[in-house]
PDB file of N, CA and C in Angstrom:
ATOM      1  N   MET A   1       1.091  14.389 -17.177  1.00  0.00           N
ATOM      2  CA  MET A   1       1.021  13.668 -16.604  1.00  0.00           C
ATOM      3  C   MET A   1       1.622  14.614 -15.234  1.00  0.00           C
ATOM      4  N   THR A   2       1.241  14.952 -14.378  1.00  0.00           N
ATOM      5  CA  THR A   2       1.439  16.027 -13.194  1.00  0.00           C
ATOM      6  C   THR A   2       2.514  14.857 -12.268  1.00  0.00           C
ATOM      7  N   ILE A   3       3.797  15.791 -12.076  1.00  0.00           N
ATOM      8  CA  ILE A   3       4.488  15.775 -10.406  1.00  0.00           C
ATOM      9  C   ILE A   3       4.088  16.262  -9.408  1.00  0.00           C
ATOM     10  N   GLN A   4       3.735  15.987  -8.366  1.00  0.00           N
ATOM     11  CA  GLN A   4       2.739  16.075  -7.112  1.00  0.00           C
ATOM     12  C   GLN A   4       4.527  16.179  -6.156  1.00  0.00           C
ATOM     13  N   ARG A   5       5.367  16.784  -5.555  1.00  0.00           N
ATOM     14  CA  ARG A   5       6.021  16.865  -4.686  1.00  0.00           C
ATOM     15  C   ARG A   5       5.890  16.782  -3.232  1.00  0.00           C
ATOM     16  N   ILE A   6       5.932  16.453  -2.126  1.00  0.00           N
ATOM     17  CA  ILE A   6       5.317  16.633  -0.871  1.00  0.00           C
ATOM     18  C   ILE A   6       6.423  16.739  -0.009  1.00  0.00           C
ATOM     19  N   LYS A   7       6.637  18.105   0.775  1.00  0.00           N
ATOM     20  CA  LYS A   7       7.437  18.215   1.623  1.00  0.00           C
ATOM     21  C   LYS A   7       9.114  18.062   1.004  1.00  0.00           C
ATOM     22  N   SER A   8       9.093  18.939  -0.221  1.00  0.00           N
ATOM     23  CA  SER A   8      10.433  19.301  -1.015  1.00  0.00           C
ATOM     24  C   SER A   8      10.851  20.324  -0.404  1.00  0.00           C
ATOM     25  N   GLY A   9      12.603  20.109  -0.384  1.00  0.00           N
ATOM     26  CA  GLY A   9      13.669  20.462   0.186  1.00  0.00           C
ATOM     27  C   GLY A   9      14.440  20.603  -0.930  1.00  0.00           C
ATOM     28  N   PRO A  10      15.915  21.039  -0.295  1.00  0.00           N
ATOM     29  CA  PRO A  10      16.476  21.353  -1.684  1.00  0.00           C
ATOM     30  C   PRO A  10      17.430  20.321  -1.787  1.00  0.00           C
ATOM     31  N   ARG A  11      17.034  19.141  -1.250  1.00  0.00           N
ATOM     32  CA  ARG A  11      17.834  18.232  -1.713  1.00  0.00           C
ATOM     33  C   ARG A  11      17.242  17.590  -1.976  1.00  0.00           C
ATOM     34  N   MET A  12      15.842  16.982  -2.078  1.00  0.00           N
ATOM     35  CA  MET A  12      15.015  15.656  -1.640  1.00  0.00           C
ATOM     36  C   MET A  12      13.258  16.114  -1.524  1.00  0.00           C
ATOM     37  N   SER A  13      12.971  15.638  -1.775  1.00  0.00           N
ATOM     38  CA  SER A  13      10.802  15.421  -1.200  1.00  0.00           C
ATOM     39  C   SER A  13      10.804  14.290  -0.381  1.00  0.00           C
ATOM     40  N   GLY A  14      10.340  14.300   0.513  1.00  0.00           N
ATOM     41  CA  GLY A  14       9.826  13.458   1.385  1.00  0.00           C
ATOM     42  C   GLY A  14       8.741  12.436   0.433  1.00  0.00           C
ATOM     43  N   ALA A  15       7.935  13.022  -0.470  1.00  0.00           N
ATOM     44  CA  ALA A  15       7.122  11.845  -1.027  1.00  0.00           C
ATOM     45  C   ALA A  15       7.012  12.475  -2.573  1.00  0.00           C
ATOM     46  N   VAL A  16       7.120  11.954  -3.860  1.00  0.00           N
ATOM     47  CA  VAL A  16       6.845  12.204  -4.964  1.00  0.00           C
ATOM     48  C   VAL A  16       5.649  11.633  -5.622  1.00  0.00           C
ATOM     49  N   VAL A  17       4.166  12.160  -6.323  1.00  0.00           N
ATOM     50  CA  VAL A  17       3.239  11.605  -6.676  1.00  0.00           C
ATOM     51  C   VAL A  17       3.343  11.635  -8.415  1.00  0.00           C
ATOM     52  N   HIS A  18       3.330  10.764  -8.959  1.00  0.00           N
ATOM     53  CA  HIS A  18       3.495  10.492 -10.443  1.00  0.00           C
ATOM     54  C   HIS A  18       2.319   9.868 -10.912  1.00  0.00           C
ATOM     55  N   GLY A  19       1.331  10.571 -11.591  1.00  0.00           N
ATOM     56  CA  GLY A  19       0.370   9.397 -11.906  1.00  0.00           C
ATOM     57  C   GLY A  19      -0.549   8.526 -11.012  1.00  0.00           C
ATOM     58  N   ASP A  20      -0.693   7.650 -10.724  1.00  0.00           N
ATOM     59  CA  ASP A  20      -1.343   6.488  -9.705  1.00  0.00           C
ATOM     60  C   ASP A  20      -0.240   6.110  -8.519  1.00  0.00           C
ATOM     61  N   THR A  21       0.801   6.699  -8.950  1.00  0.00           N
ATOM     62  CA  THR A  21       1.968   6.071  -7.999  1.00  0.00           C
ATOM     63  C   THR A  21       2.700   7.151  -7.296  1.00  0.00           C
ATOM     64  N   VAL A  22       2.979   6.624  -5.816  1.00  0.00           N
ATOM     65  CA  VAL A  22       3.510   7.635  -4.920  1.00  0.00           C
ATOM     66  C   VAL A  22       4.823   6.792  -4.200  1.00  0.00           C
ATOM     67  N   TYR A  23       6.164   8.011  -4.130  1.00  0.00           N
ATOM     68  CA  TYR A  23       7.413   7.104  -4.322  1.00  0.00           C
ATOM     69  C   TYR A  23       7.519   7.799  -2.674  1.00  0.00           C
ATOM     70  N   LEU A  24       7.893   7.127  -1.908  1.00  0.00           N
ATOM     71  CA  LEU A  24       8.806   7.831  -0.995  1.00  0.00           C
ATOM     72  C   LEU A  24       9.808   7.643  -0.641  1.00  0.00           C
ATOM     73  N   ALA A  25      10.948   9.175   0.018  1.00  0.00           N
ATOM     74  CA  ALA A  25      12.058   8.990   0.068  1.00  0.00           C
ATOM     75  C   ALA A  25      12.891   7.708   1.331  1.00  0.00           C
ATOM     76  N   GLY A  26      13.434   7.419   1.547  1.00  0.00           N
ATOM     77  CA  GLY A  26      13.645   6.557   2.330  1.00  0.00           C
ATOM     78  C   GLY A  26      14.085   7.788   3.953  1.00  0.00           C
ATOM     79  N   GLN A  27      13.207   7.096   4.500  1.00  0.00           N
ATOM     80  CA  GLN A  27      12.690   7.443   5.895  1.00  0.00           C
ATOM     81  C   GLN A  27      13.571   7.000   6.927  1.00  0.00           C
ATOM     82  N   VAL A  28      14.112   8.242   7.647  1.00  0.00           N
ATOM     83  CA  VAL A  28      14.459   7.923   9.259  1.00  0.00           C
ATOM     84  C   VAL A  28      13.866   8.380  10.468  1.00  0.00           C
ATOM     85  N   ALA A  29      14.539   8.128  11.858  1.00  0.00           N
ATOM     86  CA  ALA A  29      13.386   8.271  12.968  1.00  0.00           C
ATOM     87  C   ALA A  29      14.920   9.600  13.431  1.00  0.00           C
ATOM     88  N   ASN A  30      13.939  10.813  13.375  1.00  0.00           N
ATOM     89  CA  ASN A  30      14.706  11.653  13.893  1.00  0.00           C
ATOM     90  C   ASN A  30      14.477  11.852  15.119  1.00  0.00           C
ATOM     91  N   GLN A  31      13.905  11.840  15.413  1.00  0.00           N
ATOM     92  CA  GLN A  31      12.742  12.182  16.910  1.00  0.00           C
ATOM     93  C   GLN A  31      13.708  10.892  17.771  1.00  0.00           C
ATOM     94  N   SER A  32      13.945   9.093  17.454  1.00  0.00           N
ATOM     95  CA  SER A  32      14.273   8.864  18.325  1.00  0.00           C
ATOM     96  C   SER A  32      15.699   8.195  18.230  1.00  0.00           C
ATOM     97  N   ALA A  33      16.372   8.955  17.309  1.00  0.00           N
ATOM     98  CA  ALA A  33      17.584   8.557  16.870  1.00  0.00           C
ATOM     99  C   ALA A  33      18.581   8.284  17.677  1.00  0.00           C
ATOM    100  N   GLY A  34      19.418   7.462  17.868  1.00  0.00           N
ATOM    101  CA  GLY A  34      20.033   6.908  18.570  1.00  0.00           C
ATOM    102  C   GLY A  34      19.200   5.724  19.767  1.00  0.00           C
ATOM    103  N   LYS A  35      18.163   5.772  19.665  1.00  0.00           N
ATOM    104  CA  LYS A  35      17.463   4.940  20.413  1.00  0.00           C
ATOM    105  C   LYS A  35      17.243   3.392  19.873  1.00  0.00           C
ATOM    106  N   SER A  36      16.328   2.534  20.483  1.00  0.00           N
ATOM    107  CA  SER A  36      16.453   1.216  19.652  1.00  0.00           C
ATOM    108  C   SER A  36      15.929   1.133  18.460  1.00  0.00           C
ATOM    109  N   VAL A  37      15.789  -0.093  17.553  1.00  0.00           N
ATOM    110  CA  VAL A  37      15.842  -0.157  16.667  1.00  0.00           C
ATOM    111  C   VAL A  37      14.019   0.078  16.486  1.00  0.00           C
ATOM    112  N   THR A  38      13.607  -0.937  17.525  1.00  0.00           N
ATOM    113  CA  THR A  38      12.170  -1.287  17.852  1.00  0.00           C
ATOM    114  C   THR A  38      11.497   0.330  17.719  1.00  0.00           C
ATOM    115  N   GLU A  39      11.991   1.249  18.764  1.00  0.00           N
ATOM    116  CA  GLU A  39      11.398   2.872  18.705  1.00  0.00           C
ATOM    117  C   GLU A  39      11.926   3.229  17.274  1.00  0.00           C
ATOM    118  N   GLN A  40      12.786   3.199  16.992  1.00  0.00           N
ATOM    119  CA  GLN A  40      12.816   4.553  15.573  1.00  0.00           C
ATOM    120  C   GLN A  40      11.942   3.543  14.244  1.00  0.00           C
ATOM    121  N   THR A  41      12.080   2.314  14.058  1.00  0.00           N
ATOM    122  CA  THR A  41      10.683   1.603  13.255  1.00  0.00           C
ATOM    123  C   THR A  41       9.486   2.069  13.660  1.00  0.00           C
ATOM    124  N   GLN A  42       9.105   2.384  14.800  1.00  0.00           N
ATOM    125  CA  GLN A  42       7.809   2.520  15.476  1.00  0.00           C
ATOM    126  C   GLN A  42       7.354   4.278  14.422  1.00  0.00           C
ATOM    127  N   GLU A  43       8.492   4.719  14.878  1.00  0.00           N
ATOM    128  CA  GLU A  43       8.822   6.274  14.454  1.00  0.00           C
ATOM    129  C   GLU A  43       8.433   6.375  12.936  1.00  0.00           C
ATOM    130  N   ILE A  44       9.382   5.656  11.902  1.00  0.00           N
ATOM    131  CA  ILE A  44       9.817   5.317  10.424  1.00  0.00           C
ATOM    132  C   ILE A  44       8.135   5.097  10.342  1.00  0.00           C
ATOM    133  N   LEU A  45       8.000   4.011  10.410  1.00  0.00           N
ATOM    134  CA  LEU A  45       6.258   3.806  10.224  1.00  0.00           C
ATOM    135  C   LEU A  45       5.385   4.786  10.387  1.00  0.00           C
ATOM    136  N   SER A  46       5.018   5.714  11.544  1.00  0.00           N
ATOM    137  CA  SER A  46       4.455   6.614  11.333  1.00  0.00           C
ATOM    138  C   SER A  46       4.446   7.628  10.605  1.00  0.00           C
ATOM    139  N   ILE A  47       5.716   7.938  10.261  1.00  0.00           N
ATOM    140  CA  ILE A  47       6.206   8.625   9.274  1.00  0.00           C
ATOM    141  C   ILE A  47       5.268   8.537   8.204  1.00  0.00           C
ATOM    142  N   ILE A  48       5.964   7.237   7.792  1.00  0.00           N
ATOM    143  CA  ILE A  48       4.752   6.947   6.326  1.00  0.00           C
ATOM    144  C   ILE A  48       3.780   7.122   6.342  1.00  0.00           C
ATOM    145  N   ASP A  49       3.230   6.424   7.378  1.00  0.00           N
ATOM    146  CA  ASP A  49       1.229   6.674   7.471  1.00  0.00           C
ATOM    147  C   ASP A  49       1.290   8.284   7.033  1.00  0.00           C
ATOM    148  N   SER A  50       1.694   9.117   7.498  1.00  0.00           N
ATOM    149  CA  SER A  50       1.466  10.086   7.530  1.00  0.00           C
ATOM    150  C   SER A  50       1.652  11.330   5.875  1.00  0.00           C
ATOM    151  N   LEU A  51       3.019  10.591   5.435  1.00  0.00           N
ATOM    152  CA  LEU A  51       3.177  10.853   3.873  1.00  0.00           C
ATOM    153  C   LEU A  51       2.168  10.459   2.938  1.00  0.00           C
ATOM    154  N   LEU A  52       2.180   9.560   3.534  1.00  0.00           N
ATOM    155  CA  LEU A  52       1.103   8.473   2.532  1.00  0.00           C
ATOM    156  C   LEU A  52      -0.360   8.975   2.280  1.00  0.00           C
ATOM    157  N   THR A  53      -0.778   9.123   3.714  1.00  0.00           N
ATOM    158  CA  THR A  53      -1.823  10.233   3.913  1.00  0.00           C
ATOM    159  C   THR A  53      -2.005  11.358   2.894  1.00  0.00           C
ATOM    160  N   GLU A  54      -0.827  11.824   3.266  1.00  0.00           N
ATOM    161  CA  GLU A  54      -0.794  13.471   2.633  1.00  0.00           C
ATOM    162  C   GLU A  54      -1.031  13.535   0.839  1.00  0.00           C
ATOM    163  N   ALA A  55      -0.321  12.338   0.678  1.00  0.00           N
ATOM    164  CA  ALA A  55      -0.328  11.616  -1.237  1.00  0.00           C
ATOM    165  C   ALA A  55      -1.727  10.713  -1.397  1.00  0.00           C
ATOM    166  N   GLY A  56      -2.546  11.306  -0.473  1.00  0.00           N
ATOM    167  CA  GLY A  56      -3.874  10.095  -0.839  1.00  0.00           C
ATOM    168  C   GLY A  56      -3.690   8.887  -0.902  1.00  0.00           C
ATOM    169  N   THR A  57      -3.542   8.183  -0.145  1.00  0.00           N
ATOM    170  CA  THR A  57      -2.751   6.860  -0.527  1.00  0.00           C
ATOM    171  C   THR A  57      -2.841   6.586   0.793  1.00  0.00           C
ATOM    172  N   ASP A  58      -2.674   5.276   0.862  1.00  0.00           N
ATOM    173  CA  ASP A  58      -2.240   4.926   2.720  1.00  0.00           C
ATOM    174  C   ASP A  58      -1.596   2.767   2.454  1.00  0.00           C
ATOM    175  N   LYS A  59      -0.855   2.314   3.660  1.00  0.00           N
ATOM    176  CA  LYS A  59      -0.169   1.388   3.734  1.00  0.00           C
ATOM    177  C   LYS A  59      -0.818  -0.444   3.121  1.00  0.00           C
ATOM    178  N   SER A  60      -2.117  -0.279   2.707  1.00  0.00           N
ATOM    179  CA  SER A  60      -2.986  -0.812   2.757  1.00  0.00           C
ATOM    180  C   SER A  60      -2.591  -1.148   1.204  1.00  0.00           C
ATOM    181  N   LYS A  61      -1.806  -0.112   0.708  1.00  0.00           N
ATOM    182  CA  LYS A  61      -1.637  -0.249  -0.918  1.00  0.00           C
ATOM    183  C   LYS A  61      -0.414   0.342  -1.590  1.00  0.00           C
ATOM    184  N   LEU A  62       0.594  -0.142  -0.398  1.00  0.00           N
ATOM    185  CA  LEU A  62       2.345  -0.376  -0.928  1.00  0.00           C
ATOM    186  C   LEU A  62       2.466  -1.690  -1.677  1.00  0.00           C
ATOM    187  N   LEU A  63       3.386  -1.331  -2.814  1.00  0.00           N
ATOM    188  CA  LEU A  63       3.564  -2.178  -3.765  1.00  0.00           C
ATOM    189  C   LEU A  63       4.791  -2.481  -3.411  1.00  0.00           C
ATOM    190  N   MET A  64       6.137  -1.543  -3.010  1.00  0.00           N
ATOM    191  CA  MET A  64       7.831  -2.155  -2.870  1.00  0.00           C
ATOM    192  C   MET A  64       8.128  -1.350  -1.525  1.00  0.00           C
ATOM    193  N   VAL A  65       8.645  -2.037  -0.823  1.00  0.00           N
ATOM    194  CA  VAL A  65       9.366  -1.307   0.320  1.00  0.00           C
ATOM    195  C   VAL A  65      10.879  -1.640   0.859  1.00  0.00           C
ATOM    196  N   ASN A  66      12.146  -1.087   0.536  1.00  0.00           N
ATOM    197  CA  ASN A  66      13.358  -1.493   0.695  1.00  0.00           C
ATOM    198  C   ASN A  66      13.464  -1.269   2.768  1.00  0.00           C
ATOM    199  N   ILE A  67      14.186  -2.043   3.358  1.00  0.00           N
ATOM    200  CA  ILE A  67      14.566  -1.490   4.651  1.00  0.00           C
ATOM    201  C   ILE A  67      15.918  -1.548   4.358  1.00  0.00           C
ATOM    202  N   TRP A  68      16.603  -0.941   5.305  1.00  0.00           N
ATOM    203  CA  TRP A  68      18.022  -1.337   5.161  1.00  0.00           C
ATOM    204  C   TRP A  68      17.901  -0.582   7.089  1.00  0.00           C
ATOM    205  N   LEU A  69      18.997  -2.022   7.498  1.00  0.00           N
ATOM    206  CA  LEU A  69      19.096  -2.175   8.963  1.00  0.00           C
ATOM    207  C   LEU A  69      20.866  -1.929   9.207  1.00  0.00           C
ATOM    208  N   THR A  70      21.380  -1.195  10.014  1.00  0.00           N
ATOM    209  CA  THR A  70      22.500  -1.124  10.476  1.00  0.00           C
ATOM    210  C   THR A  70      23.355  -2.456  10.720  1.00  0.00           C
ATOM    211  N   ASP A  71      22.760  -3.490  11.259  1.00  0.00           N
ATOM    212  CA  ASP A  71      22.769  -4.637  11.831  1.00  0.00           C
ATOM    213  C   ASP A  71      21.637  -5.329  11.893  1.00  0.00           C
ATOM    214  N   MET A  72      21.916  -6.682  10.783  1.00  0.00           N
ATOM    215  CA  MET A  72      21.023  -7.612  10.588  1.00  0.00           C
ATOM    216  C   MET A  72      20.345  -8.466  12.013  1.00  0.00           C
ATOM    217  N   ASN A  73      21.713  -8.514  13.414  1.00  0.00           N
ATOM    218  CA  ASN A  73      20.895  -9.267  14.205  1.00  0.00           C
ATOM    219  C   ASN A  73      20.010  -8.361  15.010  1.00  0.00           C
ATOM    220  N   THR A  74      19.357  -7.598  14.143  1.00  0.00           N
ATOM    221  CA  THR A  74      18.140  -6.305  14.454  1.00  0.00           C
ATOM    222  C   THR A  74      17.005  -7.037  13.360  1.00  0.00           C
ATOM    223  N   PHE A  75      17.265  -7.529  12.197  1.00  0.00           N
ATOM    224  CA  PHE A  75      15.849  -8.328  11.825  1.00  0.00           C
ATOM    225  C   PHE A  75      15.117  -8.158  12.831  1.00  0.00           C
ATOM    226  N   GLN A  76      14.625  -9.376  13.383  1.00  0.00           N
ATOM    227  CA  GLN A  76      13.607  -9.248  13.957  1.00  0.00           C
ATOM    228  C   GLN A  76      12.429  -8.645  14.881  1.00  0.00           C
ATOM    229  N   GLU A  77      13.955  -7.829  15.602  1.00  0.00           N
ATOM    230  CA  GLU A  77      13.008  -6.488  16.186  1.00  0.00           C
ATOM    231  C   GLU A  77      12.386  -5.906  15.458  1.00  0.00           C
ATOM    232  N   MET A  78      13.178  -5.327  14.622  1.00  0.00           N
ATOM    233  CA  MET A  78      12.027  -4.508  13.387  1.00  0.00           C
ATOM    234  C   MET A  78      10.959  -5.479  12.734  1.00  0.00           C
ATOM    235  N   ASN A  79      11.490  -6.108  12.377  1.00  0.00           N
ATOM    236  CA  ASN A  79      10.023  -7.435  12.441  1.00  0.00           C
ATOM    237  C   ASN A  79       8.813  -7.552  13.250  1.00  0.00           C
ATOM    238  N   ALA A  80       9.448  -6.988  14.711  1.00  0.00           N
ATOM    239  CA  ALA A  80       7.867  -7.410  15.313  1.00  0.00           C
ATOM    240  C   ALA A  80       7.417  -6.119  15.077  1.00  0.00           C
ATOM    241  N   VAL A  81       7.753  -4.557  15.002  1.00  0.00           N
ATOM    242  CA  VAL A  81       7.098  -3.599  15.125  1.00  0.00           C
ATOM    243  C   VAL A  81       6.224  -3.865  13.305  1.00  0.00           C
ATOM    244  N   TRP A  82       6.765  -3.831  12.455  1.00  0.00           N
ATOM    245  CA  TRP A  82       6.338  -4.235  10.617  1.00  0.00           C
ATOM    246  C   TRP A  82       5.318  -5.309  11.004  1.00  0.00           C
ATOM    247  N   ASP A  83       5.269  -6.412  11.382  1.00  0.00           N
ATOM    248  CA  ASP A  83       4.030  -7.260  11.595  1.00  0.00           C
ATOM    249  C   ASP A  83       3.277  -6.613  12.372  1.00  0.00           C
ATOM    250  N   ALA A  84       2.992  -5.919  13.081  1.00  0.00           N
ATOM    251  CA  ALA A  84       1.990  -4.961  13.818  1.00  0.00           C
ATOM    252  C   ALA A  84       1.666  -3.963  13.073  1.00  0.00           C
ATOM    253  N   TRP A  85       2.186  -3.560  12.437  1.00  0.00           N
ATOM    254  CA  TRP A  85       2.110  -2.244  11.192  1.00  0.00           C
ATOM    255  C   TRP A  85       1.316  -2.803   9.862  1.00  0.00           C
ATOM    256  N   VAL A  86       1.903  -3.594   9.540  1.00  0.00           N
ATOM    257  CA  VAL A  86       1.601  -3.902   7.786  1.00  0.00           C
ATOM    258  C   VAL A  86       0.185  -4.293   7.752  1.00  0.00           C
ATOM    259  N   SER A  87      -0.744  -3.891   6.606  1.00  0.00           N
ATOM    260  CA  SER A  87      -1.993  -4.220   6.444  1.00  0.00           C
ATOM    261  C   SER A  87      -2.082  -5.947   5.920  1.00  0.00           C
ATOM    262  N   ALA A  88      -2.515  -6.547   6.850  1.00  0.00           N
ATOM    263  CA  ALA A  88      -2.619  -7.526   6.733  1.00  0.00           C
ATOM    264  C   ALA A  88      -3.484  -8.267   5.016  1.00  0.00           C
ATOM    265  N   GLY A  89      -2.575  -9.392   4.675  1.00  0.00           N
ATOM    266  CA  GLY A  89      -3.661  -9.540   3.371  1.00  0.00           C
ATOM    267  C   GLY A  89      -3.242  -8.407   2.249  1.00  0.00           C
ATOM    268  N   ASN A  90      -2.480  -7.143   2.215  1.00  0.00           N
ATOM    269  CA  ASN A  90      -1.542  -6.517   1.984  1.00  0.00           C
ATOM    270  C   ASN A  90      -0.650  -6.178   1.426  1.00  0.00           C
ATOM    271  N   THR A  91       0.278  -7.100   2.169  1.00  0.00           N
ATOM    272  CA  THR A  91       1.867  -7.326   1.997  1.00  0.00           C
ATOM    273  C   THR A  91       2.798  -6.655   0.817  1.00  0.00           C
ATOM    274  N   PRO A  92       3.496  -6.018   0.872  1.00  0.00           N
ATOM    275  CA  PRO A  92       3.937  -5.586  -0.558  1.00  0.00           C
ATOM    276  C   PRO A  92       5.225  -6.805  -0.831  1.00  0.00           C
ATOM    277  N   ALA A  93       6.066  -6.524  -1.726  1.00  0.00           N
ATOM    278  CA  ALA A  93       6.772  -6.697  -2.190  1.00  0.00           C
ATOM    279  C   ALA A  93       8.025  -6.179  -1.580  1.00  0.00           C
ATOM    280  N   ARG A  94       9.002  -6.516  -1.051  1.00  0.00           N
ATOM    281  CA  ARG A  94      10.154  -6.082   0.296  1.00  0.00           C
ATOM    282  C   ARG A  94      11.444  -6.843  -0.094  1.00  0.00           C
ATOM    283  N   ALA A  95      12.581  -5.643   0.571  1.00  0.00           N
ATOM    284  CA  ALA A  95      13.454  -6.214   0.511  1.00  0.00           C
ATOM    285  C   ALA A  95      14.653  -6.117   1.745  1.00  0.00           C
ATOM    286  N   THR A  96      15.537  -6.877   2.156  1.00  0.00           N
ATOM    287  CA  THR A  96      15.660  -6.379   3.745  1.00  0.00           C
ATOM    288  C   THR A  96      17.537  -6.358   3.779  1.00  0.00           C
ATOM    289  N   VAL A  97      17.841  -5.169   3.699  1.00  0.00           N
ATOM    290  CA  VAL A  97      19.375  -5.650   3.978  1.00  0.00           C
ATOM    291  C   VAL A  97      20.582  -4.713   4.970  1.00  0.00           C
ATOM    292  N   GLU A  98      21.657  -5.077   4.910  1.00  0.00           N
ATOM    293  CA  GLU A  98      21.887  -4.464   5.708  1.00  0.00           C
ATOM    294  C   GLU A  98      23.034  -3.565   4.993  1.00  0.00           C
ATOM    295  N   ALA A  99      23.274  -2.425   5.977  1.00  0.00           N
ATOM    296  CA  ALA A  99      23.652  -1.029   5.334  1.00  0.00           C
ATOM    297  C   ALA A  99      24.178  -0.398   6.173  1.00  0.00           C
ATOM    298  N   LYS A 100      25.778   0.145   5.802  1.00  0.00           N
ATOM    299  CA  LYS A 100      25.542   1.572   7.006  1.00  0.00           C
ATOM    300  C   LYS A 100      24.950   2.435   6.777  1.00  0.00           C
ATOM    301  N   LEU A 101      24.425   3.486   7.425  1.00  0.00           N
ATOM    302  CA  LEU A 101      23.319   4.555   7.165  1.00  0.00           C
ATOM    303  C   LEU A 101      24.075   5.863   7.421  1.00  0.00           C
ATOM    304  N   ALA A 102      23.620   7.304   6.775  1.00  0.00           N
ATOM    305  CA  ALA A 102      24.046   7.948   6.443  1.00  0.00           C
ATOM    306  C   ALA A 102      24.300   8.837   7.991  1.00  0.00           C
ATOM    307  N   ALA A 103      24.410   8.488   8.794  1.00  0.00           N
ATOM    308  CA  ALA A 103      24.532   9.183   9.972  1.00  0.00           C
ATOM    309  C   ALA A 103      24.727   7.891  11.536  1.00  0.00           C
ATOM    310  N   PRO A 104      25.283   7.750  12.335  1.00  0.00           N
ATOM    311  CA  PRO A 104      25.663   6.654  13.236  1.00  0.00           C
ATOM    312  C   PRO A 104      24.592   6.354  14.005  1.00  0.00           C
ATOM    313  N   GLN A 105      23.760   7.270  14.422  1.00  0.00           N
ATOM    314  CA  GLN A 105      22.722   7.408  15.124  1.00  0.00           C
ATOM    315  C   GLN A 105      21.554   6.827  14.448  1.00  0.00           C
ATOM    316  N   PHE A 106      21.208   6.057  13.302  1.00  0.00           N
ATOM    317  CA  PHE A 106      20.405   5.804  12.538  1.00  0.00           C
ATOM    318  C   PHE A 106      20.702   4.227  12.464  1.00  0.00           C
ATOM    319  N   LYS A 107      19.893   3.945  12.722  1.00  0.00           N
ATOM    320  CA  LYS A 107      19.808   2.460  12.979  1.00  0.00           C
ATOM    321  C   LYS A 107      18.457   1.530  12.020  1.00  0.00           C
ATOM    322  N   VAL A 108      17.788   2.089  10.950  1.00  0.00           N
ATOM    323  CA  VAL A 108      16.831   1.751  10.153  1.00  0.00           C
ATOM    324  C   VAL A 108      16.593   3.100   9.275  1.00  0.00           C
ATOM    325  N   GLU A 109      16.468   2.391   8.231  1.00  0.00           N
ATOM    326  CA  GLU A 109      15.968   3.499   6.891  1.00  0.00           C
ATOM    327  C   GLU A 109      15.004   2.989   6.015  1.00  0.00           C
ATOM    328  N   ILE A 110      13.460   3.565   5.835  1.00  0.00           N
ATOM    329  CA  ILE A 110      12.895   2.536   5.032  1.00  0.00           C
ATOM    330  C   ILE A 110      12.226   3.539   3.902  1.00  0.00           C
ATOM    331  N   ALA A 111      11.984   2.582   3.014  1.00  0.00           N
ATOM    332  CA  ALA A 111      11.499   3.412   1.535  1.00  0.00           C
ATOM    333  C   ALA A 111      10.120   2.758   1.068  1.00  0.00           C
ATOM    334  N   VAL A 112       9.281   3.403   0.680  1.00  0.00           N
ATOM    335  CA  VAL A 112       8.193   2.696   0.076  1.00  0.00           C
ATOM    336  C   VAL A 112       8.172   3.146  -1.499  1.00  0.00           C
ATOM    337  N   ILE A 113       7.066   2.766  -2.342  1.00  0.00           N
ATOM    338  CA  ILE A 113       6.577   2.719  -3.115  1.00  0.00           C
ATOM    339  C   ILE A 113       4.959   2.227  -3.179  1.00  0.00           C
ATOM    340  N   ALA A 114       4.096   3.135  -3.499  1.00  0.00           N
ATOM    341  CA  ALA A 114       2.474   2.612  -3.117  1.00  0.00           C
ATOM    342  C   ALA A 114       1.725   3.410  -4.091  1.00  0.00           C
ATOM    343  N   ALA A 115       0.312   2.380  -4.491  1.00  0.00           N
ATOM    344  CA  ALA A 115      -0.215   2.877  -5.728  1.00  0.00           C
ATOM    345  C   ALA A 115      -1.368   3.837  -4.302  1.00  0.00           C
ATOM    346  N   LYS A 116      -2.014   4.886  -5.705  1.00  0.00           N
ATOM    347  CA  LYS A 116      -2.812   5.648  -5.308  1.00  0.00           C
ATOM    348  C   LYS A 116      -4.552   4.716  -5.030  1.00  0.00           C
TER     349      LYS A 116
END
């Protein structure tokens, strides 16, 4: 079975396709870094949409999502954006936790696994 790597770099790939499963690396908001959780979540979900499209799938086929927030007090703010974006009737398994992220300007990180 082949492995396809999308947006591959020296440290990681943005996405990896193996068989009928697509694995996305944790995505952060580079353009809106330092801005609100709402803006960062919107940007991240847009990045996820693009990577899923490039991998030949879409958000209706999400299987598992992991979300990291630097402050759980922003859970509802993030969920407001998530709820407007997620495919109705196709919600994935999901975990959301509070964690320190790679750099202080990042408030949200999201990683997903999807079917093709």
